[in-house]
Amino acid sequence: MASSNFTRGDLHRQDYEWSAQHGDDPASRLWPDDVLFDRNQGYEVLSLLNRFAFGKPDERAYFLAGEEWLRDLPGNIRARRNVLAWLEERARFRPIFKGGALNQIR
């Protein structure tokens, strides 16, 4: 699956966990969509946001908006495919302004 190429340095939050949990492989980017998403694992957030932002008109704005929106992700949405669907739905109803001004997208 194609994705954007944003890196750890592009994330605004600095409190993500970057060490792998038991059974996790941070080098793997080919996780099935039904795998549970951990919003506190930096490499999972980064991979998911790169996939979400890919091909959007302003990838950086969507990447940053997605990171902000994940703060409001309901606890019952856990599978990667459902998290992506939730972000896409949110993007449909919240305009993204050029440059990703976070105060305008929340």
PDB file of N, CA and C in Angstrom:
ATOM      1  N   MET A   1       0.854  -1.178   0.000  1.00  0.00           N
ATOM      2  CA  MET A   1       0.000   0.000   0.000  1.00  0.00           C
ATOM      3  C   MET A   1       0.895   1.235   0.000  1.00  0.00           C
ATOM      4  N   ALA A   2       0.615   2.150  -0.887  1.00  0.00           N
ATOM      5  CA  ALA A   2       1.392   3.393  -0.984  1.00  0.00           C
ATOM      6  C   ALA A   2       1.120   4.279   0.229  1.00  0.00           C
ATOM      7  N   SER A   3       2.112   5.085   0.546  1.00  0.00           N
ATOM      8  CA  SER A   3       1.936   6.009   1.665  1.00  0.00           C
ATOM      9  C   SER A   3       2.864   7.202   1.498  1.00  0.00           C
ATOM     10  N   SER A   4       2.600   8.234   2.269  1.00  0.00           N
ATOM     11  CA  SER A   4       3.470   9.409   2.300  1.00  0.00           C
ATOM     12  C   SER A   4       4.766   9.033   3.010  1.00  0.00           C
ATOM     13  N   ASN A   5       5.706   9.958   3.059  1.00  0.00           N
ATOM     14  CA  ASN A   5       7.007   9.664   3.652  1.00  0.00           C
ATOM     15  C   ASN A   5       7.358  10.599   4.800  1.00  0.00           C
ATOM     16  N   PHE A   6       6.374  10.947   5.621  1.00  0.00           N
ATOM     17  CA  PHE A   6       6.660  11.775   6.781  1.00  0.00           C
ATOM     18  C   PHE A   6       7.420  10.941   7.805  1.00  0.00           C
ATOM     19  N   THR A   7       8.194  11.610   8.641  1.00  0.00           N
ATOM     20  CA  THR A   7       9.038  10.928   9.617  1.00  0.00           C
ATOM     21  C   THR A   7       8.660  11.331  11.034  1.00  0.00           C
ATOM     22  N   ARG A   8       9.311  10.714  11.971  1.00  0.00           N
ATOM     23  CA  ARG A   8       9.091  10.981  13.391  1.00  0.00           C
ATOM     24  C   ARG A   8       9.190  12.484  13.708  1.00  0.00           C
ATOM     25  N   GLY A   9      10.120  13.167  13.062  1.00  0.00           N
ATOM     26  CA  GLY A   9      10.312  14.592  13.292  1.00  0.00           C
ATOM     27  C   GLY A   9       9.147  15.459  12.828  1.00  0.00           C
ATOM     28  N   ASP A  10       8.281  14.912  11.983  1.00  0.00           N
ATOM     29  CA  ASP A  10       7.121  15.669  11.506  1.00  0.00           C
ATOM     30  C   ASP A  10       5.945  15.623  12.474  1.00  0.00           C
ATOM     31  N   LEU A  11       5.978  14.713  13.431  1.00  0.00           N
ATOM     32  CA  LEU A  11       4.896  14.614  14.408  1.00  0.00           C
ATOM     33  C   LEU A  11       4.976  15.764  15.399  1.00  0.00           C
ATOM     34  N   HIS A  12       3.830  16.261  15.816  1.00  0.00           N
ATOM     35  CA  HIS A  12       3.811  17.344  16.805  1.00  0.00           C
ATOM     36  C   HIS A  12       3.964  16.814  18.220  1.00  0.00           C
ATOM     37  N   ARG A  13       3.254  15.725  18.535  1.00  0.00           N
ATOM     38  CA  ARG A  13       3.364  15.159  19.883  1.00  0.00           C
ATOM     39  C   ARG A  13       4.739  14.554  20.066  1.00  0.00           C
ATOM     40  N   GLN A  14       5.280  14.715  21.242  1.00  0.00           N
ATOM     41  CA  GLN A  14       6.605  14.183  21.557  1.00  0.00           C
ATOM     42  C   GLN A  14       6.547  13.051  22.580  1.00  0.00           C
ATOM     43  N   ASP A  15       5.338  12.658  22.990  1.00  0.00           N
ATOM     44  CA  ASP A  15       5.222  11.677  24.073  1.00  0.00           C
ATOM     45  C   ASP A  15       4.856  10.277  23.597  1.00  0.00           C
ATOM     46  N   TYR A  16       5.065   9.976  22.315  1.00  0.00           N
ATOM     47  CA  TYR A  16       4.798   8.630  21.816  1.00  0.00           C
ATOM     48  C   TYR A  16       5.828   7.648  22.359  1.00  0.00           C
ATOM     49  N   GLU A  17       5.433   6.409  22.490  1.00  0.00           N
ATOM     50  CA  GLU A  17       6.333   5.323  22.857  1.00  0.00           C
ATOM     51  C   GLU A  17       6.962   4.800  21.570  1.00  0.00           C
ATOM     52  N   TRP A  18       8.282   4.647  21.538  1.00  0.00           N
ATOM     53  CA  TRP A  18       8.969   4.216  20.324  1.00  0.00           C
ATOM     54  C   TRP A  18       9.605   2.841  20.448  1.00  0.00           C
ATOM     55  N   SER A  19       9.534   2.234  21.607  1.00  0.00           N
ATOM     56  CA  SER A  19      10.056   0.874  21.733  1.00  0.00           C
ATOM     57  C   SER A  19       8.926  -0.109  21.467  1.00  0.00           C
ATOM     58  N   ALA A  20       9.267  -1.213  20.838  1.00  0.00           N
ATOM     59  CA  ALA A  20       8.259  -2.212  20.471  1.00  0.00           C
ATOM     60  C   ALA A  20       7.759  -2.948  21.706  1.00  0.00           C
ATOM     61  N   GLN A  21       6.473  -3.198  21.738  1.00  0.00           N
ATOM     62  CA  GLN A  21       5.877  -4.021  22.784  1.00  0.00           C
ATOM     63  C   GLN A  21       6.064  -5.485  22.405  1.00  0.00           C
ATOM     64  N   HIS A  22       5.847  -6.384  23.334  1.00  0.00           N
ATOM     65  CA  HIS A  22       5.975  -7.818  23.064  1.00  0.00           C
ATOM     66  C   HIS A  22       5.106  -8.212  21.866  1.00  0.00           C
ATOM     67  N   GLY A  23       5.728  -8.800  20.866  1.00  0.00           N
ATOM     68  CA  GLY A  23       4.993  -9.252  19.692  1.00  0.00           C
ATOM     69  C   GLY A  23       4.893  -8.217  18.588  1.00  0.00           C
ATOM     70  N   ASP A  24       5.293  -6.977  18.845  1.00  0.00           N
ATOM     71  CA  ASP A  24       5.253  -5.926  17.828  1.00  0.00           C
ATOM     72  C   ASP A  24       6.566  -5.889  17.060  1.00  0.00           C
ATOM     73  N   ASP A  25       6.497  -5.458  15.824  1.00  0.00           N
ATOM     74  CA  ASP A  25       7.684  -5.289  14.995  1.00  0.00           C
ATOM     75  C   ASP A  25       7.614  -3.907  14.360  1.00  0.00           C
ATOM     76  N   PRO A  26       8.314  -2.912  14.911  1.00  0.00           N
ATOM     77  CA  PRO A  26       8.234  -1.557  14.374  1.00  0.00           C
ATOM     78  C   PRO A  26       8.744  -1.440  12.940  1.00  0.00           C
ATOM     79  N   ALA A  27       9.521  -2.401  12.474  1.00  0.00           N
ATOM     80  CA  ALA A  27      10.022  -2.358  11.100  1.00  0.00           C
ATOM     81  C   ALA A  27       8.970  -2.820  10.100  1.00  0.00           C
ATOM     82  N   SER A  28       7.960  -3.528  10.569  1.00  0.00           N
ATOM     83  CA  SER A  28       6.926  -4.042   9.668  1.00  0.00           C
ATOM     84  C   SER A  28       5.960  -2.934   9.286  1.00  0.00           C
ATOM     85  N   ARG A  29       5.754  -2.771   7.980  1.00  0.00           N
ATOM     86  CA  ARG A  29       4.816  -1.762   7.484  1.00  0.00           C
ATOM     87  C   ARG A  29       3.659  -2.420   6.736  1.00  0.00           C
ATOM     88  N   LEU A  30       3.609  -3.744   6.767  1.00  0.00           N
ATOM     89  CA  LEU A  30       2.598  -4.467   6.012  1.00  0.00           C
ATOM     90  C   LEU A  30       1.591  -5.148   6.931  1.00  0.00           C
ATOM     91  N   TRP A  31       1.192  -4.476   8.001  1.00  0.00           N
ATOM     92  CA  TRP A  31       0.236  -5.060   8.930  1.00  0.00           C
ATOM     93  C   TRP A  31      -1.122  -5.185   8.271  1.00  0.00           C
ATOM     94  N   PRO A  32      -1.817  -6.268   8.555  1.00  0.00           N
ATOM     95  CA  PRO A  32      -3.189  -6.379   8.060  1.00  0.00           C
ATOM     96  C   PRO A  32      -4.060  -5.283   8.683  1.00  0.00           C
ATOM     97  N   ASP A  33      -5.087  -4.884   7.961  1.00  0.00           N
ATOM     98  CA  ASP A  33      -5.954  -3.799   8.433  1.00  0.00           C
ATOM     99  C   ASP A  33      -6.750  -4.154   9.672  1.00  0.00           C
ATOM    100  N   ASP A  34      -6.867  -5.445   9.990  1.00  0.00           N
ATOM    101  CA  ASP A  34      -7.660  -5.813  11.161  1.00  0.00           C
ATOM    102  C   ASP A  34      -6.832  -5.853  12.446  1.00  0.00           C
ATOM    103  N   VAL A  35      -5.524  -5.578  12.340  1.00  0.00           N
ATOM    104  CA  VAL A  35      -4.672  -5.521  13.526  1.00  0.00           C
ATOM    105  C   VAL A  35      -5.064  -4.306  14.365  1.00  0.00           C
ATOM    106  N   LEU A  36      -5.055  -4.487  15.680  1.00  0.00           N
ATOM    107  CA  LEU A  36      -5.426  -3.388  16.571  1.00  0.00           C
ATOM    108  C   LEU A  36      -4.382  -2.280  16.528  1.00  0.00           C
ATOM    109  N   PHE A  37      -4.861  -1.059  16.511  1.00  0.00           N
ATOM    110  CA  PHE A  37      -4.029   0.135  16.452  1.00  0.00           C
ATOM    111  C   PHE A  37      -3.771   0.645  17.857  1.00  0.00           C
ATOM    112  N   ASP A  38      -2.528   1.010  18.149  1.00  0.00           N
ATOM    113  CA  ASP A  38      -2.173   1.588  19.448  1.00  0.00           C
ATOM    114  C   ASP A  38      -1.782   3.045  19.228  1.00  0.00           C
ATOM    115  N   ARG A  39      -2.631   3.952  19.658  1.00  0.00           N
ATOM    116  CA  ARG A  39      -2.415   5.388  19.429  1.00  0.00           C
ATOM    117  C   ARG A  39      -1.248   5.957  20.221  1.00  0.00           C
ATOM    118  N   ASN A  40      -0.657   5.173  21.102  1.00  0.00           N
ATOM    119  CA  ASN A  40       0.485   5.644  21.874  1.00  0.00           C
ATOM    120  C   ASN A  40       1.820   5.167  21.315  1.00  0.00           C
ATOM    121  N   GLN A  41       1.788   4.234  20.375  1.00  0.00           N
ATOM    122  CA  GLN A  41       3.001   3.723  19.742  1.00  0.00           C
ATOM    123  C   GLN A  41       3.351   4.621  18.560  1.00  0.00           C
ATOM    124  N   GLY A  42       4.458   5.323  18.659  1.00  0.00           N
ATOM    125  CA  GLY A  42       4.835   6.281  17.630  1.00  0.00           C
ATOM    126  C   GLY A  42       4.940   5.683  16.237  1.00  0.00           C
ATOM    127  N   TYR A  43       5.556   4.502  16.123  1.00  0.00           N
ATOM    128  CA  TYR A  43       5.721   3.930  14.792  1.00  0.00           C
ATOM    129  C   TYR A  43       4.386   3.502  14.185  1.00  0.00           C
ATOM    130  N   GLU A  44       3.408   3.131  15.024  1.00  0.00           N
ATOM    131  CA  GLU A  44       2.077   2.800  14.503  1.00  0.00           C
ATOM    132  C   GLU A  44       1.353   4.058  14.040  1.00  0.00           C
ATOM    133  N   VAL A  45       1.442   5.119  14.843  1.00  0.00           N
ATOM    134  CA  VAL A  45       0.813   6.390  14.481  1.00  0.00           C
ATOM    135  C   VAL A  45       1.426   6.917  13.190  1.00  0.00           C
ATOM    136  N   LEU A  46       2.738   6.898  13.106  1.00  0.00           N
ATOM    137  CA  LEU A  46       3.431   7.412  11.928  1.00  0.00           C
ATOM    138  C   LEU A  46       3.018   6.647  10.663  1.00  0.00           C
ATOM    139  N   SER A  47       3.001   5.340  10.745  1.00  0.00           N
ATOM    140  CA  SER A  47       2.615   4.516   9.599  1.00  0.00           C
ATOM    141  C   SER A  47       1.168   4.794   9.180  1.00  0.00           C
ATOM    142  N   LEU A  48       0.276   4.858  10.152  1.00  0.00           N
ATOM    143  CA  LEU A  48      -1.136   5.094   9.855  1.00  0.00           C
ATOM    144  C   LEU A  48      -1.357   6.479   9.251  1.00  0.00           C
ATOM    145  N   LEU A  49      -0.705   7.496   9.810  1.00  0.00           N
ATOM    146  CA  LEU A  49      -0.881   8.857   9.289  1.00  0.00           C
ATOM    147  C   LEU A  49      -0.287   9.014   7.899  1.00  0.00           C
ATOM    148  N   ASN A  50       0.824   8.338   7.618  1.00  0.00           N
ATOM    149  CA  ASN A  50       1.390   8.370   6.268  1.00  0.00           C
ATOM    150  C   ASN A  50       0.423   7.747   5.268  1.00  0.00           C
ATOM    151  N   ARG A  51      -0.214   6.688   5.664  1.00  0.00           N
ATOM    152  CA  ARG A  51      -1.208   6.058   4.784  1.00  0.00           C
ATOM    153  C   ARG A  51      -2.424   6.959   4.603  1.00  0.00           C
ATOM    154  N   PHE A  52      -2.899   7.581   5.679  1.00  0.00           N
ATOM    155  CA  PHE A  52      -4.056   8.477   5.625  1.00  0.00           C
ATOM    156  C   PHE A  52      -3.787   9.683   4.734  1.00  0.00           C
ATOM    157  N   ALA A  53      -2.605  10.270   4.825  1.00  0.00           N
ATOM    158  CA  ALA A  53      -2.295  11.512   4.103  1.00  0.00           C
ATOM    159  C   ALA A  53      -1.966  11.287   2.630  1.00  0.00           C
ATOM    160  N   PHE A  54      -1.570  10.076   2.268  1.00  0.00           N
ATOM    161  CA  PHE A  54      -1.094   9.802   0.913  1.00  0.00           C
ATOM    162  C   PHE A  54      -2.132  10.181  -0.149  1.00  0.00           C
ATOM    163  N   GLY A  55      -1.673  10.954  -1.139  1.00  0.00           N
ATOM    164  CA  GLY A  55      -2.518  11.307  -2.274  1.00  0.00           C
ATOM    165  C   GLY A  55      -3.503  12.430  -2.024  1.00  0.00           C
ATOM    166  N   LYS A  56      -3.513  12.970  -0.815  1.00  0.00           N
ATOM    167  CA  LYS A  56      -4.420  14.078  -0.515  1.00  0.00           C
ATOM    168  C   LYS A  56      -3.844  15.355  -1.141  1.00  0.00           C
ATOM    169  N   PRO A  57      -4.690  16.364  -1.381  1.00  0.00           N
ATOM    170  CA  PRO A  57      -4.219  17.600  -2.027  1.00  0.00           C
ATOM    171  C   PRO A  57      -3.066  18.282  -1.284  1.00  0.00           C
ATOM    172  N   ASP A  58      -3.087  18.268   0.026  1.00  0.00           N
ATOM    173  CA  ASP A  58      -2.014  18.841   0.838  1.00  0.00           C
ATOM    174  C   ASP A  58      -1.671  17.784   1.885  1.00  0.00           C
ATOM    175  N   GLU A  59      -0.753  16.880   1.520  1.00  0.00           N
ATOM    176  CA  GLU A  59      -0.452  15.738   2.386  1.00  0.00           C
ATOM    177  C   GLU A  59      -0.016  16.164   3.778  1.00  0.00           C
ATOM    178  N   ARG A  60       0.799  17.200   3.875  1.00  0.00           N
ATOM    179  CA  ARG A  60       1.271  17.643   5.197  1.00  0.00           C
ATOM    180  C   ARG A  60       0.113  18.106   6.075  1.00  0.00           C
ATOM    181  N   ALA A  61      -0.811  18.853   5.507  1.00  0.00           N
ATOM    182  CA  ALA A  61      -1.965  19.333   6.279  1.00  0.00           C
ATOM    183  C   ALA A  61      -2.796  18.153   6.782  1.00  0.00           C
ATOM    184  N   TYR A  62      -3.008  17.149   5.937  1.00  0.00           N
ATOM    185  CA  TYR A  62      -3.785  15.984   6.360  1.00  0.00           C
ATOM    186  C   TYR A  62      -3.024  15.154   7.388  1.00  0.00           C
ATOM    187  N   PHE A  63      -1.721  15.042   7.228  1.00  0.00           N
ATOM    188  CA  PHE A  63      -0.897  14.325   8.204  1.00  0.00           C
ATOM    189  C   PHE A  63      -1.042  14.966   9.583  1.00  0.00           C
ATOM    190  N   LEU A  64      -0.881  16.289   9.639  1.00  0.00           N
ATOM    191  CA  LEU A  64      -0.973  17.004  10.917  1.00  0.00           C
ATOM    192  C   LEU A  64      -2.385  16.996  11.476  1.00  0.00           C
ATOM    193  N   ALA A  65      -3.375  17.146  10.604  1.00  0.00           N
ATOM    194  CA  ALA A  65      -4.767  17.100  11.059  1.00  0.00           C
ATOM    195  C   ALA A  65      -5.075  15.719  11.626  1.00  0.00           C
ATOM    196  N   GLY A  66      -4.632  14.683  10.930  1.00  0.00           N
ATOM    197  CA  GLY A  66      -4.878  13.325  11.410  1.00  0.00           C
ATOM    198  C   GLY A  66      -4.278  13.087  12.777  1.00  0.00           C
ATOM    199  N   GLU A  67      -3.077  13.597  12.991  1.00  0.00           N
ATOM    200  CA  GLU A  67      -2.459  13.438  14.317  1.00  0.00           C
ATOM    201  C   GLU A  67      -3.300  14.132  15.380  1.00  0.00           C
ATOM    202  N   GLU A  68      -3.753  15.319  15.087  1.00  0.00           N
ATOM    203  CA  GLU A  68      -4.598  16.058  16.031  1.00  0.00           C
ATOM    204  C   GLU A  68      -5.909  15.309  16.283  1.00  0.00           C
ATOM    205  N   TRP A  69      -6.527  14.831  15.221  1.00  0.00           N
ATOM    206  CA  TRP A  69      -7.820  14.145  15.345  1.00  0.00           C
ATOM    207  C   TRP A  69      -7.711  12.845  16.131  1.00  0.00           C
ATOM    208  N   LEU A  70      -6.558  12.173  16.069  1.00  0.00           N
ATOM    209  CA  LEU A  70      -6.412  10.924  16.810  1.00  0.00           C
ATOM    210  C   LEU A  70      -6.583  11.118  18.309  1.00  0.00           C
ATOM    211  N   ARG A  71      -6.403  12.316  18.790  1.00  0.00           N
ATOM    212  CA  ARG A  71      -6.639  12.596  20.215  1.00  0.00           C
ATOM    213  C   ARG A  71      -8.095  12.342  20.596  1.00  0.00           C
ATOM    214  N   ASP A  72      -8.997  12.496  19.624  1.00  0.00           N
ATOM    215  CA  ASP A  72     -10.425  12.333  19.872  1.00  0.00           C
ATOM    216  C   ASP A  72     -10.959  10.976  19.418  1.00  0.00           C
ATOM    217  N   LEU A  73     -10.066  10.081  19.018  1.00  0.00           N
ATOM    218  CA  LEU A  73     -10.489   8.766  18.542  1.00  0.00           C
ATOM    219  C   LEU A  73     -11.234   8.028  19.649  1.00  0.00           C
ATOM    220  N   PRO A  74     -12.479   7.619  19.386  1.00  0.00           N
ATOM    221  CA  PRO A  74     -13.226   6.867  20.404  1.00  0.00           C
ATOM    222  C   PRO A  74     -12.523   5.550  20.743  1.00  0.00           C
ATOM    223  N   GLY A  75     -12.588   5.168  21.987  1.00  0.00           N
ATOM    224  CA  GLY A  75     -11.912   3.967  22.464  1.00  0.00           C
ATOM    225  C   GLY A  75     -12.406   2.673  21.843  1.00  0.00           C
ATOM    226  N   ASN A  76     -13.615   2.677  21.296  1.00  0.00           N
ATOM    227  CA  ASN A  76     -14.155   1.452  20.704  1.00  0.00           C
ATOM    228  C   ASN A  76     -13.714   1.258  19.252  1.00  0.00           C
ATOM    229  N   ILE A  77     -12.972   2.197  18.692  1.00  0.00           N
ATOM    230  CA  ILE A  77     -12.446   2.067  17.334  1.00  0.00           C
ATOM    231  C   ILE A  77     -10.992   1.644  17.462  1.00  0.00           C
ATOM    232  N   ARG A  78     -10.722   0.374  17.157  1.00  0.00           N
ATOM    233  CA  ARG A  78      -9.402  -0.174  17.445  1.00  0.00           C
ATOM    234  C   ARG A  78      -8.675  -0.733  16.230  1.00  0.00           C
ATOM    235  N   ALA A  79      -9.383  -1.362  15.286  1.00  0.00           N
ATOM    236  CA  ALA A  79      -8.723  -1.957  14.119  1.00  0.00           C
ATOM    237  C   ALA A  79      -8.224  -0.848  13.197  1.00  0.00           C
ATOM    238  N   ARG A  80      -7.059  -1.075  12.583  1.00  0.00           N
ATOM    239  CA  ARG A  80      -6.462  -0.063  11.695  1.00  0.00           C
ATOM    240  C   ARG A  80      -7.438   0.396  10.620  1.00  0.00           C
ATOM    241  N   ARG A  81      -8.132  -0.526   9.988  1.00  0.00           N
ATOM    242  CA  ARG A  81      -9.059  -0.147   8.917  1.00  0.00           C
ATOM    243  C   ARG A  81     -10.163   0.759   9.454  1.00  0.00           C
ATOM    244  N   ASN A  82     -10.606   0.513  10.690  1.00  0.00           N
ATOM    245  CA  ASN A  82     -11.655   1.339  11.288  1.00  0.00           C
ATOM    246  C   ASN A  82     -11.123   2.715  11.692  1.00  0.00           C
ATOM    247  N   VAL A  83      -9.880   2.760  12.141  1.00  0.00           N
ATOM    248  CA  VAL A  83      -9.265   4.052  12.476  1.00  0.00           C
ATOM    249  C   VAL A  83      -9.122   4.887  11.203  1.00  0.00           C
ATOM    250  N   LEU A  84      -8.645   4.261  10.126  1.00  0.00           N
ATOM    251  CA  LEU A  84      -8.522   4.982   8.847  1.00  0.00           C
ATOM    252  C   LEU A  84      -9.879   5.462   8.349  1.00  0.00           C
ATOM    253  N   ALA A  85     -10.893   4.624   8.449  1.00  0.00           N
ATOM    254  CA  ALA A  85     -12.245   5.014   8.023  1.00  0.00           C
ATOM    255  C   ALA A  85     -12.746   6.185   8.867  1.00  0.00           C
ATOM    256  N   TRP A  86     -12.460   6.148  10.163  1.00  0.00           N
ATOM    257  CA  TRP A  86     -12.876   7.234  11.054  1.00  0.00           C
ATOM    258  C   TRP A  86     -12.176   8.545  10.669  1.00  0.00           C
ATOM    259  N   LEU A  87     -10.871   8.474  10.368  1.00  0.00           N
ATOM    260  CA  LEU A  87     -10.136   9.667   9.941  1.00  0.00           C
ATOM    261  C   LEU A  87     -10.684  10.195   8.613  1.00  0.00           C
ATOM    262  N   GLU A  88     -10.960   9.303   7.667  1.00  0.00           N
ATOM    263  CA  GLU A  88     -11.504   9.729   6.373  1.00  0.00           C
ATOM    264  C   GLU A  88     -12.866  10.398   6.548  1.00  0.00           C
ATOM    265  N   GLU A  89     -13.681   9.841   7.406  1.00  0.00           N
ATOM    266  CA  GLU A  89     -15.004  10.424   7.661  1.00  0.00           C
ATOM    267  C   GLU A  89     -14.851  11.804   8.303  1.00  0.00           C
ATOM    268  N   ARG A  90     -13.955  11.907   9.216  1.00  0.00           N
ATOM    269  CA  ARG A  90     -13.716  13.200   9.877  1.00  0.00           C
ATOM    270  C   ARG A  90     -13.219  14.231   8.863  1.00  0.00           C
ATOM    271  N   ALA A  91     -12.342  13.802   7.963  1.00  0.00           N
ATOM    272  CA  ALA A  91     -11.799  14.706   6.940  1.00  0.00           C
ATOM    273  C   ALA A  91     -12.896  15.189   5.991  1.00  0.00           C
ATOM    274  N   ARG A  92     -13.902  14.363   5.759  1.00  0.00           N
ATOM    275  CA  ARG A  92     -15.013  14.771   4.877  1.00  0.00           C
ATOM    276  C   ARG A  92     -15.786  15.957   5.440  1.00  0.00           C
ATOM    277  N   PHE A  93     -15.880  16.042   6.759  1.00  0.00           N
ATOM    278  CA  PHE A  93     -16.716  17.059   7.390  1.00  0.00           C
ATOM    279  C   PHE A  93     -15.943  18.198   8.039  1.00  0.00           C
ATOM    280  N   ARG A  94     -14.624  18.134   8.007  1.00  0.00           N
ATOM    281  CA  ARG A  94     -13.800  19.200   8.572  1.00  0.00           C
ATOM    282  C   ARG A  94     -12.860  19.690   7.480  1.00  0.00           C
ATOM    283  N   PRO A  95     -13.035  20.923   7.045  1.00  0.00           N
ATOM    284  CA  PRO A  95     -12.163  21.418   5.972  1.00  0.00           C
ATOM    285  C   PRO A  95     -10.707  21.508   6.429  1.00  0.00           C
ATOM    286  N   ILE A  96      -9.819  21.182   5.529  1.00  0.00           N
ATOM    287  CA  ILE A  96      -8.386  21.279   5.785  1.00  0.00           C
ATOM    288  C   ILE A  96      -7.903  22.557   5.119  1.00  0.00           C
ATOM    289  N   PHE A  97      -7.285  23.417   5.887  1.00  0.00           N
ATOM    290  CA  PHE A  97      -6.787  24.668   5.356  1.00  0.00           C
ATOM    291  C   PHE A  97      -5.326  24.528   4.980  1.00  0.00           C
ATOM    292  N   LYS A  98      -4.937  25.137   3.903  1.00  0.00           N
ATOM    293  CA  LYS A  98      -3.561  25.058   3.415  1.00  0.00           C
ATOM    294  C   LYS A  98      -2.590  25.374   4.546  1.00  0.00           C
ATOM    295  N   GLY A  99      -1.609  24.545   4.691  1.00  0.00           N
ATOM    296  CA  GLY A  99      -0.618  24.749   5.748  1.00  0.00           C
ATOM    297  C   GLY A  99      -0.958  23.999   7.024  1.00  0.00           C
ATOM    298  N   GLY A 100      -2.161  23.455   7.116  1.00  0.00           N
ATOM    299  CA  GLY A 100      -2.526  22.636   8.268  1.00  0.00           C
ATOM    300  C   GLY A 100      -2.607  23.384   9.569  1.00  0.00           C
ATOM    301  N   ALA A 101      -3.152  24.589   9.558  1.00  0.00           N
ATOM    302  CA  ALA A 101      -3.280  25.364  10.800  1.00  0.00           C
ATOM    303  C   ALA A 101      -4.150  24.595  11.776  1.00  0.00           C
ATOM    304  N   LEU A 102      -3.545  24.048  12.824  1.00  0.00           N
ATOM    305  CA  LEU A 102      -4.259  23.159  13.735  1.00  0.00           C
ATOM    306  C   LEU A 102      -5.419  23.841  14.451  1.00  0.00           C
ATOM    307  N   ASN A 103      -5.333  25.126  14.668  1.00  0.00           N
ATOM    308  CA  ASN A 103      -6.425  25.806  15.346  1.00  0.00           C
ATOM    309  C   ASN A 103      -7.663  25.890  14.455  1.00  0.00           C
ATOM    310  N   GLN A 104      -7.515  25.660  13.152  1.00  0.00           N
ATOM    311  CA  GLN A 104      -8.642  25.726  12.236  1.00  0.00           C
ATOM    312  C   GLN A 104      -9.220  24.364  11.907  1.00  0.00           C
ATOM    313  N   ILE A 105      -8.534  23.279  12.232  1.00  0.00           N
ATOM    314  CA  ILE A 105      -8.996  21.955  11.833  1.00  0.00           C
ATOM    315  C   ILE A 105      -9.564  21.146  12.972  1.00  0.00           C
ATOM    316  N   ARG A 106      -9.430  21.599  14.145  1.00  0.00           N
ATOM    317  CA  ARG A 106      -9.891  20.829  15.299  1.00  0.00           C
ATOM    318  C   ARG A 106     -11.358  20.849  15.375  1.00  0.00           C
TER     319      ARG A 106
END
